[in-house]
């Protein structure tokens, strides 16, 4: 974890140190979500959805279904029941 001490200006601004900006890939105009949690302030960079492309590459997306959910015939037979 990289830490630095920064000072709050009279306009309530802080400067994010260069090595942290570069490591996080921040640029001028970057937007953040600001969270106050457990007596600390967190800045979460907002990234466009396109930046997430490929983030889950190789993840197993197979979903194991319950036995009664495996076939579509269970749904069609339930819809044919008359009341």
Foldseek 3Di string as FASTA:
>chain_A
DDDDDWDQDPVRDTDDDPVVCVVVVHDPPWQWDWDCDPNDIDTHTDDDPVVCVPVCPPPDPDDDDDPCPPDCVSVVVVVPDDD
